[in-house]
């Protein structure tokens, strides 16, 4: 059965930079408080005309160029995002139109865990149809923030990251674990805009179209669920934390990342993080960090990379990648 591997990657970040100095003035706090609380010093924010889809298009183009593929050689496009271009149609349709990819296209919305979820979904598609897949994590959470919300305001950035996946004779995906606890849906949410609470004058008056967070609940559950998932994935692969060469978590905030690192027992020097410069870019955070680590030569053939993500819902997923585990297979007819 064909396995999955990565043959190209790319990222795209808006030019607009939002600094801690600006946020400190807005929220009446010290810059050092933001750094201590989040580990973030600046973040990229979309400007006029930039959207979830437009960021995805740029990241996708760079990944295709890196892989040396034409858009029409892509058999399936997966958009991983929690901030859709609009409620309907799917964001993937807008991205497909601009990129010119062929074949199918669909969205995966597991919020901030969408990219890692999408990777596992892509592995299943690859086993059925062994042709290249373009997976893009993209989010513009700054557009759904209440300007008065300090807790989320200091965290959020925008961006997109992409990978081109192709069939290999041995899968790079060596194991995974995923789950959801729907009793935690109130921890992080955008209440209005769907069928549960359709748009109305009342929902806008009550600011229910903005993201709402219960920070302490998110912190506790993110750490608990993610660490449990890490342990299950390692146990299933008969590995211990020291066997992991790189831990690549969702870049939520540094306090959560450090707590996951501590409780999962992965050696600290093996952490991949870039949250200091980009903030929490949602489903884009992992592919952006992955692309940067690869461009820097940090990940090498044979390395074990552990993706670890969580998102609103609450959902969680870990995926164990053995970099370069298999050789590319011929897929062109």
C-alpha atoms as a PDB file:
ATOM      1  CA  UNK A   1       0.000   0.000   0.000  1.00  0.00           C
ATOM      2  CA  UNK A   2       1.451   3.424  -0.925  1.00  0.00           C
ATOM      3  CA  UNK A   3       2.686   5.516   1.968  1.00  0.00           C
ATOM      4  CA  UNK A   4       2.879   9.269   2.414  1.00  0.00           C
ATOM      5  CA  UNK A   5       5.891  11.577   2.391  1.00  0.00           C
ATOM      6  CA  UNK A   6       6.663  15.288   2.001  1.00  0.00           C
ATOM      7  CA  UNK A   7       8.343  16.550  -1.176  1.00  0.00           C
ATOM      8  CA  UNK A   8       7.777  20.297  -0.894  1.00  0.00           C
ATOM      9  CA  UNK A   9       6.889  23.033   1.553  1.00  0.00           C
ATOM     10  CA  UNK A  10       6.276  26.753   1.732  1.00  0.00           C
ATOM     11  CA  UNK A  11       4.899  29.494   3.954  1.00  0.00           C
ATOM     12  CA  UNK A  12       3.433  32.950   3.620  1.00  0.00           C
ATOM     13  CA  UNK A  13       3.043  35.654   6.249  1.00  0.00           C
ATOM     14  CA  UNK A  14       1.372  39.055   5.964  1.00  0.00           C
ATOM     15  CA  UNK A  15       3.656  42.068   5.881  1.00  0.00           C
ATOM     16  CA  UNK A  16       1.821  43.841   8.689  1.00  0.00           C
ATOM     17  CA  UNK A  17       3.562  43.530  12.066  1.00  0.00           C
ATOM     18  CA  UNK A  18       1.762  44.032  15.378  1.00  0.00           C
ATOM     19  CA  UNK A  19       4.228  44.660  18.197  1.00  0.00           C
ATOM     20  CA  UNK A  20       3.948  44.266  21.935  1.00  0.00           C
ATOM     21  CA  UNK A  21       4.431  48.009  22.278  1.00  0.00           C
ATOM     22  CA  UNK A  22       1.212  48.642  20.348  1.00  0.00           C
ATOM     23  CA  UNK A  23      -0.699  46.041  22.344  1.00  0.00           C
ATOM     24  CA  UNK A  24       0.677  47.313  25.650  1.00  0.00           C
ATOM     25  CA  UNK A  25      -0.718  50.750  24.843  1.00  0.00           C
ATOM     26  CA  UNK A  26      -4.074  49.328  23.713  1.00  0.00           C
ATOM     27  CA  UNK A  27      -4.633  47.148  26.765  1.00  0.00           C
ATOM     28  CA  UNK A  28      -2.850  49.193  29.420  1.00  0.00           C
ATOM     29  CA  UNK A  29      -0.228  46.569  30.286  1.00  0.00           C
ATOM     30  CA  UNK A  30       3.567  46.346  30.242  1.00  0.00           C
ATOM     31  CA  UNK A  31       5.379  44.807  27.271  1.00  0.00           C
ATOM     32  CA  UNK A  32       7.210  42.444  29.619  1.00  0.00           C
ATOM     33  CA  UNK A  33       3.868  41.172  30.908  1.00  0.00           C
ATOM     34  CA  UNK A  34       2.928  40.065  27.392  1.00  0.00           C
ATOM     35  CA  UNK A  35       6.248  38.268  26.925  1.00  0.00           C
ATOM     36  CA  UNK A  36       6.018  36.531  30.298  1.00  0.00           C
ATOM     37  CA  UNK A  37       2.429  35.471  29.680  1.00  0.00           C
ATOM     38  CA  UNK A  38       2.777  34.346  26.058  1.00  0.00           C
ATOM     39  CA  UNK A  39       6.400  34.192  24.927  1.00  0.00           C
ATOM     40  CA  UNK A  40       5.416  36.415  21.981  1.00  0.00           C
ATOM     41  CA  UNK A  41       7.188  39.627  20.939  1.00  0.00           C
ATOM     42  CA  UNK A  42       5.423  40.355  17.642  1.00  0.00           C
ATOM     43  CA  UNK A  43       2.901  38.840  15.256  1.00  0.00           C
ATOM     44  CA  UNK A  44       1.891  39.229  11.601  1.00  0.00           C
ATOM     45  CA  UNK A  45      -1.575  40.601  10.856  1.00  0.00           C
ATOM     46  CA  UNK A  46      -3.478  40.706   7.556  1.00  0.00           C
ATOM     47  CA  UNK A  47      -4.195  44.006   5.876  1.00  0.00           C
ATOM     48  CA  UNK A  48      -6.887  45.132   3.416  1.00  0.00           C
ATOM     49  CA  UNK A  49      -7.543  42.535   0.726  1.00  0.00           C
ATOM     50  CA  UNK A  50      -5.756  39.720   2.560  1.00  0.00           C
ATOM     51  CA  UNK A  51      -7.891  36.740   3.529  1.00  0.00           C
ATOM     52  CA  UNK A  52      -7.627  33.139   4.665  1.00  0.00           C
ATOM     53  CA  UNK A  53      -7.707  32.017   1.030  1.00  0.00           C
ATOM     54  CA  UNK A  54      -5.227  34.591  -0.286  1.00  0.00           C
ATOM     55  CA  UNK A  55      -2.648  33.576   2.321  1.00  0.00           C
ATOM     56  CA  UNK A  56      -3.222  29.924   1.419  1.00  0.00           C
ATOM     57  CA  UNK A  57      -2.723  30.602  -2.282  1.00  0.00           C
ATOM     58  CA  UNK A  58       0.695  32.170  -1.712  1.00  0.00           C
ATOM     59  CA  UNK A  59       1.876  29.404   0.625  1.00  0.00           C
ATOM     60  CA  UNK A  60       0.567  26.775  -1.794  1.00  0.00           C
ATOM     61  CA  UNK A  61       2.397  28.325  -4.744  1.00  0.00           C
ATOM     62  CA  UNK A  62       5.669  28.285  -2.841  1.00  0.00           C
ATOM     63  CA  UNK A  63       5.203  24.657  -1.803  1.00  0.00           C
ATOM     64  CA  UNK A  64       4.431  23.632  -5.390  1.00  0.00           C
ATOM     65  CA  UNK A  65       7.474  25.500  -6.658  1.00  0.00           C
ATOM     66  CA  UNK A  66       9.652  23.813  -4.051  1.00  0.00           C
ATOM     67  CA  UNK A  67       8.282  20.400  -5.054  1.00  0.00           C
ATOM     68  CA  UNK A  68       8.743  21.130  -8.751  1.00  0.00           C
ATOM     69  CA  UNK A  69       5.110  20.355  -9.547  1.00  0.00           C
ATOM     70  CA  UNK A  70       2.496  22.105 -11.630  1.00  0.00           C
ATOM     71  CA  UNK A  71      -0.866  22.854  -9.987  1.00  0.00           C
ATOM     72  CA  UNK A  72      -2.635  20.472 -12.379  1.00  0.00           C
ATOM     73  CA  UNK A  73      -0.482  17.619 -11.059  1.00  0.00           C
ATOM     74  CA  UNK A  74      -2.186  17.843  -7.652  1.00  0.00           C
ATOM     75  CA  UNK A  75      -4.861  15.178  -7.205  1.00  0.00           C
ATOM     76  CA  UNK A  76      -6.434  16.704  -4.105  1.00  0.00           C
ATOM     77  CA  UNK A  77      -6.323  19.993  -2.208  1.00  0.00           C
ATOM     78  CA  UNK A  78      -6.932  20.072   1.549  1.00  0.00           C
ATOM     79  CA  UNK A  79      -7.396  23.383   3.336  1.00  0.00           C
ATOM     80  CA  UNK A  80      -6.858  23.136   7.100  1.00  0.00           C
ATOM     81  CA  UNK A  81      -8.428  26.149   8.793  1.00  0.00           C
ATOM     82  CA  UNK A  82     -10.726  27.385  11.522  1.00  0.00           C
ATOM     83  CA  UNK A  83     -11.399  30.770   9.890  1.00  0.00           C
ATOM     84  CA  UNK A  84     -13.133  30.065   6.567  1.00  0.00           C
ATOM     85  CA  UNK A  85     -13.242  32.491   3.679  1.00  0.00           C
ATOM     86  CA  UNK A  86     -17.020  32.510   4.154  1.00  0.00           C
ATOM     87  CA  UNK A  87     -19.603  30.077   5.523  1.00  0.00           C
ATOM     88  CA  UNK A  88     -20.203  28.631   2.056  1.00  0.00           C
ATOM     89  CA  UNK A  89     -18.679  27.452  -0.189  1.00  0.00           C
ATOM     90  CA  UNK A  90     -15.604  25.852   1.335  1.00  0.00           C
ATOM     91  CA  UNK A  91     -12.358  27.830   1.420  1.00  0.00           C
ATOM     92  CA  UNK A  92     -10.748  25.090  -0.673  1.00  0.00           C
ATOM     93  CA  UNK A  93     -12.934  26.118  -3.629  1.00  0.00           C
ATOM     94  CA  UNK A  94     -11.546  29.670  -3.561  1.00  0.00           C
ATOM     95  CA  UNK A  95      -7.967  28.416  -3.262  1.00  0.00           C
ATOM     96  CA  UNK A  96      -8.456  25.840  -6.027  1.00  0.00           C
ATOM     97  CA  UNK A  97      -9.771  28.548  -8.332  1.00  0.00           C
ATOM     98  CA  UNK A  98      -6.693  30.733  -7.838  1.00  0.00           C
ATOM     99  CA  UNK A  99      -4.079  27.959  -7.841  1.00  0.00           C
ATOM    100  CA  UNK A 100      -5.590  25.928 -10.672  1.00  0.00           C
ATOM    101  CA  UNK A 101      -5.175  22.553  -8.994  1.00  0.00           C
ATOM    102  CA  UNK A 102      -7.005  19.569 -10.448  1.00  0.00           C
ATOM    103  CA  UNK A 103      -8.978  16.816  -8.730  1.00  0.00           C
ATOM    104  CA  UNK A 104     -10.855  17.136  -5.463  1.00  0.00           C
ATOM    105  CA  UNK A 105     -10.761  19.821  -2.795  1.00  0.00           C
ATOM    106  CA  UNK A 106     -12.162  20.017   0.710  1.00  0.00           C
ATOM    107  CA  UNK A 107     -11.703  21.741   4.068  1.00  0.00           C
ATOM    108  CA  UNK A 108     -10.675  20.236   7.395  1.00  0.00           C
ATOM    109  CA  UNK A 109     -11.805  22.255  10.422  1.00  0.00           C
ATOM    110  CA  UNK A 110     -10.355  20.961  13.656  1.00  0.00           C
ATOM    111  CA  UNK A 111      -9.524  24.555  14.582  1.00  0.00           C
ATOM    112  CA  UNK A 112      -5.855  24.935  15.576  1.00  0.00           C
ATOM    113  CA  UNK A 113      -5.313  21.181  15.163  1.00  0.00           C
ATOM    114  CA  UNK A 114      -6.529  21.266  11.553  1.00  0.00           C
ATOM    115  CA  UNK A 115      -3.131  20.854   9.875  1.00  0.00           C
ATOM    116  CA  UNK A 116      -2.155  17.751  11.841  1.00  0.00           C
ATOM    117  CA  UNK A 117      -5.661  16.336  11.356  1.00  0.00           C
ATOM    118  CA  UNK A 118      -5.351  17.068   7.650  1.00  0.00           C
ATOM    119  CA  UNK A 119      -2.033  15.246   7.471  1.00  0.00           C
ATOM    120  CA  UNK A 120      -3.590  12.047   8.835  1.00  0.00           C
ATOM    121  CA  UNK A 121      -6.583  12.442   6.497  1.00  0.00           C
ATOM    122  CA  UNK A 122      -4.202  12.907   3.561  1.00  0.00           C
ATOM    123  CA  UNK A 123      -2.427   9.662   4.438  1.00  0.00           C
ATOM    124  CA  UNK A 124      -5.729   7.834   4.044  1.00  0.00           C
ATOM    125  CA  UNK A 125      -6.392   9.484   0.683  1.00  0.00           C
ATOM    126  CA  UNK A 126      -2.886   8.646  -0.491  1.00  0.00           C
ATOM    127  CA  UNK A 127      -3.418   4.958   0.246  1.00  0.00           C
ATOM    128  CA  UNK A 128      -6.476   4.964  -2.032  1.00  0.00           C
ATOM    129  CA  UNK A 129      -5.218   7.303  -4.753  1.00  0.00           C
ATOM    130  CA  UNK A 130      -1.380   7.497  -4.811  1.00  0.00           C
ATOM    131  CA  UNK A 131      -0.959  10.916  -6.394  1.00  0.00           C
ATOM    132  CA  UNK A 132       0.277  14.246  -4.963  1.00  0.00           C
ATOM    133  CA  UNK A 133      -1.818  16.118  -2.399  1.00  0.00           C
ATOM    134  CA  UNK A 134      -1.472  19.773  -1.418  1.00  0.00           C
ATOM    135  CA  UNK A 135      -2.179  20.395   2.276  1.00  0.00           C
ATOM    136  CA  UNK A 136      -2.369  24.022   3.429  1.00  0.00           C
ATOM    137  CA  UNK A 137      -2.831  25.309   6.978  1.00  0.00           C
ATOM    138  CA  UNK A 138      -4.153  28.864   6.920  1.00  0.00           C
ATOM    139  CA  UNK A 139      -5.869  31.157   9.409  1.00  0.00           C
ATOM    140  CA  UNK A 140      -6.784  34.800   9.936  1.00  0.00           C
ATOM    141  CA  UNK A 141      -7.961  34.799  13.529  1.00  0.00           C
ATOM    142  CA  UNK A 142      -7.201  38.513  13.862  1.00  0.00           C
ATOM    143  CA  UNK A 143     -10.371  39.125  11.840  1.00  0.00           C
ATOM    144  CA  UNK A 144     -12.626  37.431  14.411  1.00  0.00           C
ATOM    145  CA  UNK A 145     -11.150  39.087  17.505  1.00  0.00           C
ATOM    146  CA  UNK A 146     -12.957  41.515  19.761  1.00  0.00           C
ATOM    147  CA  UNK A 147     -10.604  44.537  19.759  1.00  0.00           C
ATOM    148  CA  UNK A 148     -11.196  44.837  23.514  1.00  0.00           C
ATOM    149  CA  UNK A 149     -10.234  41.203  24.266  1.00  0.00           C
ATOM    150  CA  UNK A 150      -6.817  41.341  25.914  1.00  0.00           C
ATOM    151  CA  UNK A 151      -6.473  37.592  26.510  1.00  0.00           C
ATOM    152  CA  UNK A 152      -6.767  36.665  22.833  1.00  0.00           C
ATOM    153  CA  UNK A 153      -5.504  39.961  21.476  1.00  0.00           C
ATOM    154  CA  UNK A 154      -1.954  39.424  22.732  1.00  0.00           C
ATOM    155  CA  UNK A 155      -1.812  35.903  21.269  1.00  0.00           C
ATOM    156  CA  UNK A 156      -3.148  35.948  17.752  1.00  0.00           C
ATOM    157  CA  UNK A 157      -1.319  36.262  14.446  1.00  0.00           C
ATOM    158  CA  UNK A 158      -2.166  35.362  10.841  1.00  0.00           C
ATOM    159  CA  UNK A 159      -0.384  33.223   8.271  1.00  0.00           C
ATOM    160  CA  UNK A 160      -0.314  30.131   6.084  1.00  0.00           C
ATOM    161  CA  UNK A 161       1.967  27.140   5.593  1.00  0.00           C
ATOM    162  CA  UNK A 162       1.788  24.338   3.035  1.00  0.00           C
ATOM    163  CA  UNK A 163       3.247  20.935   2.231  1.00  0.00           C
ATOM    164  CA  UNK A 164       3.124  18.841  -0.921  1.00  0.00           C
ATOM    165  CA  UNK A 165       2.564  15.175  -0.119  1.00  0.00           C
ATOM    166  CA  UNK A 166       3.445  12.379  -2.535  1.00  0.00           C
ATOM    167  CA  UNK A 167       3.333   8.549  -2.561  1.00  0.00           C
ATOM    168  CA  UNK A 168       6.305   6.700  -1.090  1.00  0.00           C
ATOM    169  CA  UNK A 169       7.158   3.023  -0.861  1.00  0.00           C
ATOM    170  CA  UNK A 170       7.156   3.339   2.939  1.00  0.00           C
ATOM    171  CA  UNK A 171       4.997   5.802   4.831  1.00  0.00           C
ATOM    172  CA  UNK A 172       6.654   8.591   6.769  1.00  0.00           C
ATOM    173  CA  UNK A 173       3.616   8.566   9.057  1.00  0.00           C
ATOM    174  CA  UNK A 174       4.564   5.945  11.642  1.00  0.00           C
ATOM    175  CA  UNK A 175       1.674   6.435  14.052  1.00  0.00           C
ATOM    176  CA  UNK A 176      -0.974   8.829  15.288  1.00  0.00           C
ATOM    177  CA  UNK A 177      -3.584   9.473  17.942  1.00  0.00           C
ATOM    178  CA  UNK A 178      -6.562  11.788  17.738  1.00  0.00           C
ATOM    179  CA  UNK A 179      -9.648  12.533  19.765  1.00  0.00           C
ATOM    180  CA  UNK A 180     -12.312  14.998  20.829  1.00  0.00           C
ATOM    181  CA  UNK A 181     -14.080  15.855  24.077  1.00  0.00           C
ATOM    182  CA  UNK A 182     -17.240  17.675  23.038  1.00  0.00           C
ATOM    183  CA  UNK A 183     -18.094  18.556  26.636  1.00  0.00           C
ATOM    184  CA  UNK A 184     -15.488  21.328  26.323  1.00  0.00           C
ATOM    185  CA  UNK A 185     -17.114  23.221  23.441  1.00  0.00           C
ATOM    186  CA  UNK A 186     -17.613  26.355  25.559  1.00  0.00           C
ATOM    187  CA  UNK A 187     -13.905  26.775  26.358  1.00  0.00           C
ATOM    188  CA  UNK A 188     -13.130  28.517  23.073  1.00  0.00           C
ATOM    189  CA  UNK A 189     -15.846  29.448  20.612  1.00  0.00           C
ATOM    190  CA  UNK A 190     -17.422  31.875  18.175  1.00  0.00           C
ATOM    191  CA  UNK A 191     -21.068  31.482  19.237  1.00  0.00           C
ATOM    192  CA  UNK A 192     -22.960  33.195  16.422  1.00  0.00           C
ATOM    193  CA  UNK A 193     -23.105  32.889  12.665  1.00  0.00           C
ATOM    194  CA  UNK A 194     -24.119  29.250  12.286  1.00  0.00           C
ATOM    195  CA  UNK A 195     -27.407  27.377  12.508  1.00  0.00           C
ATOM    196  CA  UNK A 196     -27.263  27.245  16.304  1.00  0.00           C
ATOM    197  CA  UNK A 197     -27.301  31.035  16.631  1.00  0.00           C
ATOM    198  CA  UNK A 198     -27.983  32.663  13.243  1.00  0.00           C
ATOM    199  CA  UNK A 199     -26.902  36.264  12.629  1.00  0.00           C
ATOM    200  CA  UNK A 200     -29.276  38.865  14.030  1.00  0.00           C
ATOM    201  CA  UNK A 201     -29.216  42.369  15.443  1.00  0.00           C
ATOM    202  CA  UNK A 202     -29.068  40.783  18.884  1.00  0.00           C
ATOM    203  CA  UNK A 203     -26.013  38.608  18.121  1.00  0.00           C
ATOM    204  CA  UNK A 204     -24.118  41.613  16.784  1.00  0.00           C
ATOM    205  CA  UNK A 205     -25.151  43.784  19.709  1.00  0.00           C
ATOM    206  CA  UNK A 206     -23.886  41.114  22.110  1.00  0.00           C
ATOM    207  CA  UNK A 207     -20.648  40.710  20.113  1.00  0.00           C
ATOM    208  CA  UNK A 208     -21.276  36.993  19.661  1.00  0.00           C
ATOM    209  CA  UNK A 209     -19.505  36.904  16.302  1.00  0.00           C
ATOM    210  CA  UNK A 210     -16.163  37.383  18.049  1.00  0.00           C
ATOM    211  CA  UNK A 211     -14.026  34.594  19.479  1.00  0.00           C
ATOM    212  CA  UNK A 212     -14.535  33.939  23.200  1.00  0.00           C
ATOM    213  CA  UNK A 213     -12.076  32.081  25.415  1.00  0.00           C
ATOM    214  CA  UNK A 214     -11.918  30.675  28.934  1.00  0.00           C
ATOM    215  CA  UNK A 215      -8.173  30.841  29.234  1.00  0.00           C
ATOM    216  CA  UNK A 216      -7.591  28.675  32.288  1.00  0.00           C
ATOM    217  CA  UNK A 217      -9.816  25.888  30.949  1.00  0.00           C
ATOM    218  CA  UNK A 218      -7.975  25.914  27.632  1.00  0.00           C
ATOM    219  CA  UNK A 219      -4.605  25.788  29.369  1.00  0.00           C
ATOM    220  CA  UNK A 220      -5.479  22.841  31.610  1.00  0.00           C
ATOM    221  CA  UNK A 221      -7.253  20.797  28.952  1.00  0.00           C
ATOM    222  CA  UNK A 222      -4.742  21.526  26.198  1.00  0.00           C
ATOM    223  CA  UNK A 223      -1.915  20.224  28.350  1.00  0.00           C
ATOM    224  CA  UNK A 224      -3.857  17.225  29.654  1.00  0.00           C
ATOM    225  CA  UNK A 225      -5.200  16.041  26.312  1.00  0.00           C
ATOM    226  CA  UNK A 226      -2.028  16.707  24.331  1.00  0.00           C
ATOM    227  CA  UNK A 227       0.304  15.010  26.804  1.00  0.00           C
ATOM    228  CA  UNK A 228      -1.997  11.988  26.941  1.00  0.00           C
ATOM    229  CA  UNK A 229      -2.001  11.818  23.152  1.00  0.00           C
ATOM    230  CA  UNK A 230       1.797  12.052  23.009  1.00  0.00           C
ATOM    231  CA  UNK A 231       2.122   9.189  25.465  1.00  0.00           C
ATOM    232  CA  UNK A 232      -0.293   6.969  23.525  1.00  0.00           C
ATOM    233  CA  UNK A 233       1.424   7.627  20.218  1.00  0.00           C
ATOM    234  CA  UNK A 234       4.854   6.844  21.643  1.00  0.00           C
ATOM    235  CA  UNK A 235       3.618   3.711  23.407  1.00  0.00           C
ATOM    236  CA  UNK A 236       1.987   2.407  20.224  1.00  0.00           C
ATOM    237  CA  UNK A 237       5.277   2.894  18.362  1.00  0.00           C
ATOM    238  CA  UNK A 238       7.264   1.273  21.205  1.00  0.00           C
ATOM    239  CA  UNK A 239       9.221   4.488  21.719  1.00  0.00           C
ATOM    240  CA  UNK A 240      10.175   6.626  24.711  1.00  0.00           C
ATOM    241  CA  UNK A 241      10.341  10.457  24.776  1.00  0.00           C
ATOM    242  CA  UNK A 242      14.121  10.420  24.316  1.00  0.00           C
ATOM    243  CA  UNK A 243      13.612   8.695  20.944  1.00  0.00           C
ATOM    244  CA  UNK A 244      11.956  11.832  19.538  1.00  0.00           C
ATOM    245  CA  UNK A 245      14.356  14.097  17.641  1.00  0.00           C
ATOM    246  CA  UNK A 246      11.941  17.014  17.262  1.00  0.00           C
ATOM    247  CA  UNK A 247       8.715  17.954  19.021  1.00  0.00           C
ATOM    248  CA  UNK A 248       6.702  20.309  16.830  1.00  0.00           C
ATOM    249  CA  UNK A 249       3.637  21.503  18.759  1.00  0.00           C
ATOM    250  CA  UNK A 250       0.858  23.871  17.793  1.00  0.00           C
ATOM    251  CA  UNK A 251       2.279  27.301  18.612  1.00  0.00           C
ATOM    252  CA  UNK A 252      -0.484  28.325  21.025  1.00  0.00           C
ATOM    253  CA  UNK A 253       1.422  30.213  23.687  1.00  0.00           C
ATOM    254  CA  UNK A 254       4.741  29.505  25.343  1.00  0.00           C
ATOM    255  CA  UNK A 255       3.266  28.610  28.733  1.00  0.00           C
ATOM    256  CA  UNK A 256       1.214  25.801  27.202  1.00  0.00           C
ATOM    257  CA  UNK A 257       4.114  24.645  25.017  1.00  0.00           C
ATOM    258  CA  UNK A 258       6.518  24.518  27.963  1.00  0.00           C
ATOM    259  CA  UNK A 259       4.022  22.616  30.097  1.00  0.00           C
ATOM    260  CA  UNK A 260       3.426  20.053  27.330  1.00  0.00           C
ATOM    261  CA  UNK A 261       7.181  19.695  26.926  1.00  0.00           C
ATOM    262  CA  UNK A 262       7.713  19.215  30.662  1.00  0.00           C
ATOM    263  CA  UNK A 263       4.984  16.614  31.148  1.00  0.00           C
ATOM    264  CA  UNK A 264       5.690  14.695  27.945  1.00  0.00           C
ATOM    265  CA  UNK A 265       9.360  14.329  28.997  1.00  0.00           C
ATOM    266  CA  UNK A 266      10.742  15.110  25.530  1.00  0.00           C
ATOM    267  CA  UNK A 267      14.203  16.729  25.990  1.00  0.00           C
ATOM    268  CA  UNK A 268      13.819  20.544  25.871  1.00  0.00           C
ATOM    269  CA  UNK A 269      16.488  21.046  23.207  1.00  0.00           C
ATOM    270  CA  UNK A 270      14.330  19.086  20.756  1.00  0.00           C
ATOM    271  CA  UNK A 271      11.490  21.587  20.768  1.00  0.00           C
ATOM    272  CA  UNK A 272      10.691  23.450  17.541  1.00  0.00           C
ATOM    273  CA  UNK A 273       9.048  26.799  18.189  1.00  0.00           C
ATOM    274  CA  UNK A 274       8.796  30.190  16.485  1.00  0.00           C
ATOM    275  CA  UNK A 275       5.953  31.718  18.472  1.00  0.00           C
ATOM    276  CA  UNK A 276       8.156  34.635  19.563  1.00  0.00           C
ATOM    277  CA  UNK A 277       7.959  36.170  16.085  1.00  0.00           C
ATOM    278  CA  UNK A 278       4.535  35.124  14.757  1.00  0.00           C
ATOM    279  CA  UNK A 279       2.217  34.509  17.697  1.00  0.00           C
ATOM    280  CA  UNK A 280      -0.520  31.906  17.507  1.00  0.00           C
ATOM    281  CA  UNK A 281      -1.342  31.521  13.812  1.00  0.00           C
ATOM    282  CA  UNK A 282      -3.876  28.746  14.384  1.00  0.00           C
ATOM    283  CA  UNK A 283      -3.816  25.931  11.842  1.00  0.00           C
ATOM    284  CA  UNK A 284      -0.916  27.662  10.087  1.00  0.00           C
ATOM    285  CA  UNK A 285       1.415  27.528  13.079  1.00  0.00           C
ATOM    286  CA  UNK A 286       2.710  23.987  12.558  1.00  0.00           C
ATOM    287  CA  UNK A 287       3.414  24.108   8.797  1.00  0.00           C
ATOM    288  CA  UNK A 288       5.063  27.526   9.173  1.00  0.00           C
ATOM    289  CA  UNK A 289       7.342  26.205  11.933  1.00  0.00           C
ATOM    290  CA  UNK A 290       7.990  23.032   9.931  1.00  0.00           C
ATOM    291  CA  UNK A 291       8.977  24.985   6.812  1.00  0.00           C
ATOM    292  CA  UNK A 292      11.343  27.193   8.812  1.00  0.00           C
ATOM    293  CA  UNK A 293      12.984  24.209  10.505  1.00  0.00           C
ATOM    294  CA  UNK A 294      13.465  22.476   7.152  1.00  0.00           C
ATOM    295  CA  UNK A 295      14.870  25.596   5.484  1.00  0.00           C
ATOM    296  CA  UNK A 296      17.332  25.908   8.377  1.00  0.00           C
ATOM    297  CA  UNK A 297      18.470  22.299   7.895  1.00  0.00           C
ATOM    298  CA  UNK A 298      17.357  21.354  11.368  1.00  0.00           C
ATOM    299  CA  UNK A 299      15.370  18.258  10.315  1.00  0.00           C
ATOM    300  CA  UNK A 300      17.335  15.534   8.547  1.00  0.00           C
ATOM    301  CA  UNK A 301      16.683  12.145   7.018  1.00  0.00           C
ATOM    302  CA  UNK A 302      15.900   9.548   9.659  1.00  0.00           C
ATOM    303  CA  UNK A 303      14.778  12.081  12.276  1.00  0.00           C
ATOM    304  CA  UNK A 304      11.616  11.354  14.212  1.00  0.00           C
ATOM    305  CA  UNK A 305       9.331  14.399  14.269  1.00  0.00           C
ATOM    306  CA  UNK A 306       6.299  14.423  16.553  1.00  0.00           C
ATOM    307  CA  UNK A 307       3.440  16.740  15.597  1.00  0.00           C
ATOM    308  CA  UNK A 308       1.299  17.608  18.638  1.00  0.00           C
ATOM    309  CA  UNK A 309      -1.763  19.827  18.342  1.00  0.00           C
ATOM    310  CA  UNK A 310      -5.001  20.760  20.050  1.00  0.00           C
ATOM    311  CA  UNK A 311      -7.888  23.020  19.180  1.00  0.00           C
ATOM    312  CA  UNK A 312     -11.305  24.263  20.187  1.00  0.00           C
ATOM    313  CA  UNK A 313     -13.862  21.540  20.625  1.00  0.00           C
ATOM    314  CA  UNK A 314     -11.728  20.277  22.318  1.00  0.00           C
ATOM    315  CA  UNK A 315      -9.834  18.230  19.795  1.00  0.00           C
ATOM    316  CA  UNK A 316      -6.306  16.869  19.869  1.00  0.00           C
ATOM    317  CA  UNK A 317      -3.983  14.962  17.563  1.00  0.00           C
ATOM    318  CA  UNK A 318      -0.419  13.713  17.539  1.00  0.00           C
ATOM    319  CA  UNK A 319       1.337  12.320  14.477  1.00  0.00           C
ATOM    320  CA  UNK A 320       4.729  10.610  14.450  1.00  0.00           C
ATOM    321  CA  UNK A 321       6.749  11.302  11.303  1.00  0.00           C
ATOM    322  CA  UNK A 322       9.948   9.478  10.362  1.00  0.00           C
ATOM    323  CA  UNK A 323      11.601  11.912   8.008  1.00  0.00           C
ATOM    324  CA  UNK A 324      12.681  10.290   4.744  1.00  0.00           C
ATOM    325  CA  UNK A 325      11.457   6.850   5.847  1.00  0.00           C
ATOM    326  CA  UNK A 326      10.569   5.765   2.321  1.00  0.00           C
ATOM    327  CA  UNK A 327      11.531   6.553  -1.259  1.00  0.00           C
ATOM    328  CA  UNK A 328       9.230   8.382  -3.693  1.00  0.00           C
ATOM    329  CA  UNK A 329       7.083   6.223  -5.972  1.00  0.00           C
ATOM    330  CA  UNK A 330       6.349   6.959  -9.614  1.00  0.00           C
ATOM    331  CA  UNK A 331       2.826   8.304  -9.905  1.00  0.00           C
ATOM    332  CA  UNK A 332       2.775   9.812 -13.380  1.00  0.00           C
ATOM    333  CA  UNK A 333       1.035   7.571 -15.922  1.00  0.00           C
END
